[in-house]
Amino acid sequence: MPYYVYILRCKDGSYYTGHAKNVERRVKMHRKGRGARYTRIHEPEELVYVEKFESRGEAMRRERQIKTLSHNKKQQLIKKKG
C-alpha cells in the first residue's frame, strides 16, 4: 500500500510536512485541529505538495529530508513539482 509525503501551507505562510496513507483524510484531521500540534497552532490553509512512495519507510525518510530544507528550498520544491 502506498504512502504519501505532503506539505501544507499554513495561514501564517509557514509549511507543515507530514506523511500518511490517505492524504485527504489526514488534511481534514489537520483542519479540524486533530492533526499535529504544529497545525493546531499554525492553521493549515492549502495542500501544496504530494509525493508518492511504495513504503512507509521511504515516505518517512523523505519527510525528514524535506523538514530539513529551508523555507525557500521548500518553496522551490513546491514550484518545481508544479
C-alpha atoms as a PDB file:
ATOM      1  CA  MET A   1       0.000   0.000   0.000  1.00  0.00           C
ATOM      2  CA  PRO A   2       1.451   3.397  -0.961  1.00  0.00           C
ATOM      3  CA  TYR A   3       2.312   6.170   1.459  1.00  0.00           C
ATOM      4  CA  TYR A   4       2.461   9.856   0.675  1.00  0.00           C
ATOM      5  CA  VAL A   5       4.522  12.814   1.847  1.00  0.00           C
ATOM      6  CA  TYR A   6       2.624  16.075   1.808  1.00  0.00           C
ATOM      7  CA  ILE A   7       3.224  19.741   2.516  1.00  0.00           C
ATOM      8  CA  LEU A   8       0.561  22.090   3.847  1.00  0.00           C
ATOM      9  CA  ARG A   9       0.892  25.849   3.588  1.00  0.00           C
ATOM     10  CA  CYS A  10      -0.379  27.436   6.780  1.00  0.00           C
ATOM     11  CA  LYS A  11      -2.200  30.760   7.048  1.00  0.00           C
ATOM     12  CA  ASP A  12       0.903  32.408   8.550  1.00  0.00           C
ATOM     13  CA  GLY A  13       2.954  31.410   5.456  1.00  0.00           C
ATOM     14  CA  SER A  14       4.817  28.554   7.157  1.00  0.00           C
ATOM     15  CA  TYR A  15       4.856  24.971   5.870  1.00  0.00           C
ATOM     16  CA  TYR A  16       3.985  21.720   7.607  1.00  0.00           C
ATOM     17  CA  THR A  17       5.346  18.446   6.201  1.00  0.00           C
ATOM     18  CA  GLY A  18       3.914  15.050   7.069  1.00  0.00           C
ATOM     19  CA  HIS A  19       3.275  11.550   5.742  1.00  0.00           C
ATOM     20  CA  ALA A  20       0.095   9.480   5.521  1.00  0.00           C
ATOM     21  CA  LYS A  21      -1.636   6.606   3.749  1.00  0.00           C
ATOM     22  CA  ASN A  22      -4.659   8.775   2.999  1.00  0.00           C
ATOM     23  CA  VAL A  23      -3.668  12.409   2.477  1.00  0.00           C
ATOM     24  CA  GLU A  24      -7.212  13.700   2.050  1.00  0.00           C
ATOM     25  CA  ARG A  25      -8.333  12.244   5.391  1.00  0.00           C
ATOM     26  CA  ARG A  26      -5.176  13.461   7.133  1.00  0.00           C
ATOM     27  CA  VAL A  27      -5.617  17.017   5.831  1.00  0.00           C
ATOM     28  CA  LYS A  28      -9.204  17.005   7.131  1.00  0.00           C
ATOM     29  CA  MET A  29      -7.870  15.983  10.549  1.00  0.00           C
ATOM     30  CA  HIS A  30      -5.375  18.869  10.494  1.00  0.00           C
ATOM     31  CA  ARG A  31      -8.156  21.315   9.600  1.00  0.00           C
ATOM     32  CA  LYS A  32     -10.321  20.063  12.470  1.00  0.00           C
ATOM     33  CA  GLY A  33      -7.452  20.554  14.933  1.00  0.00           C
ATOM     34  CA  ARG A  34      -6.890  16.819  15.399  1.00  0.00           C
ATOM     35  CA  GLY A  35      -3.719  16.533  13.340  1.00  0.00           C
ATOM     36  CA  ALA A  36      -0.284  17.551  14.531  1.00  0.00           C
ATOM     37  CA  ARG A  37       0.376  20.004  17.338  1.00  0.00           C
ATOM     38  CA  TYR A  38       2.016  22.339  14.818  1.00  0.00           C
ATOM     39  CA  THR A  39      -1.160  22.621  12.736  1.00  0.00           C
ATOM     40  CA  ARG A  40      -3.242  23.346  15.836  1.00  0.00           C
ATOM     41  CA  ILE A  41      -1.094  26.453  16.357  1.00  0.00           C
ATOM     42  CA  HIS A  42      -0.476  27.293  12.668  1.00  0.00           C
ATOM     43  CA  GLU A  43      -3.820  26.840  10.935  1.00  0.00           C
ATOM     44  CA  PRO A  44      -3.456  24.964   7.621  1.00  0.00           C
ATOM     45  CA  GLU A  45      -4.621  26.807   4.525  1.00  0.00           C
ATOM     46  CA  GLU A  46      -3.798  24.657   1.494  1.00  0.00           C
ATOM     47  CA  LEU A  47      -2.311  21.327   0.453  1.00  0.00           C
ATOM     48  CA  VAL A  48       0.531  22.393  -1.858  1.00  0.00           C
ATOM     49  CA  TYR A  49       2.650  19.265  -2.428  1.00  0.00           C
ATOM     50  CA  VAL A  50       2.203  15.481  -2.539  1.00  0.00           C
ATOM     51  CA  GLU A  51       4.763  12.780  -3.350  1.00  0.00           C
ATOM     52  CA  LYS A  52       4.006   9.027  -3.519  1.00  0.00           C
ATOM     53  CA  PHE A  53       6.156   6.200  -2.098  1.00  0.00           C
ATOM     54  CA  GLU A  54       5.836   2.426  -2.033  1.00  0.00           C
ATOM     55  CA  SER A  55       6.645   2.016   1.661  1.00  0.00           C
ATOM     56  CA  ARG A  56       6.201   3.876   4.925  1.00  0.00           C
ATOM     57  CA  GLY A  57       9.962   3.831   5.481  1.00  0.00           C
ATOM     58  CA  GLU A  58      10.629   5.606   2.182  1.00  0.00           C
ATOM     59  CA  ALA A  59       7.964   8.200   2.958  1.00  0.00           C
ATOM     60  CA  MET A  60       9.368   8.820   6.432  1.00  0.00           C
ATOM     61  CA  ARG A  61      12.896   9.275   5.068  1.00  0.00           C
ATOM     62  CA  ARG A  62      11.646  11.787   2.502  1.00  0.00           C
ATOM     63  CA  GLU A  63       9.587  13.607   5.143  1.00  0.00           C
ATOM     64  CA  ARG A  64      12.689  14.042   7.322  1.00  0.00           C
ATOM     65  CA  GLN A  65      14.653  15.235   4.293  1.00  0.00           C
ATOM     66  CA  ILE A  66      12.036  17.865   3.407  1.00  0.00           C
ATOM     67  CA  LYS A  67      11.759  19.025   7.019  1.00  0.00           C
ATOM     68  CA  THR A  68      15.475  19.923   6.987  1.00  0.00           C
ATOM     69  CA  LEU A  69      15.012  22.246   3.987  1.00  0.00           C
ATOM     70  CA  SER A  70      14.821  25.993   4.423  1.00  0.00           C
ATOM     71  CA  HIS A  71      11.567  27.819   3.738  1.00  0.00           C
ATOM     72  CA  ASN A  72      12.931  28.985   0.359  1.00  0.00           C
ATOM     73  CA  LYS A  73      14.009  25.472  -0.622  1.00  0.00           C
ATOM     74  CA  LYS A  74      10.530  24.167   0.226  1.00  0.00           C
ATOM     75  CA  GLN A  75       9.029  26.894  -1.982  1.00  0.00           C
ATOM     76  CA  GLN A  76      11.338  25.841  -4.836  1.00  0.00           C
ATOM     77  CA  LEU A  77      10.356  22.191  -4.370  1.00  0.00           C
ATOM     78  CA  ILE A  78       6.661  23.087  -4.496  1.00  0.00           C
ATOM     79  CA  LYS A  79       7.100  25.249  -7.620  1.00  0.00           C
ATOM     80  CA  LYS A  80       9.221  22.586  -9.329  1.00  0.00           C
ATOM     81  CA  LYS A  81       6.588  19.908  -8.759  1.00  0.00           C
ATOM     82  CA  GLY A  82       4.023  22.324 -10.194  1.00  0.00           C
END
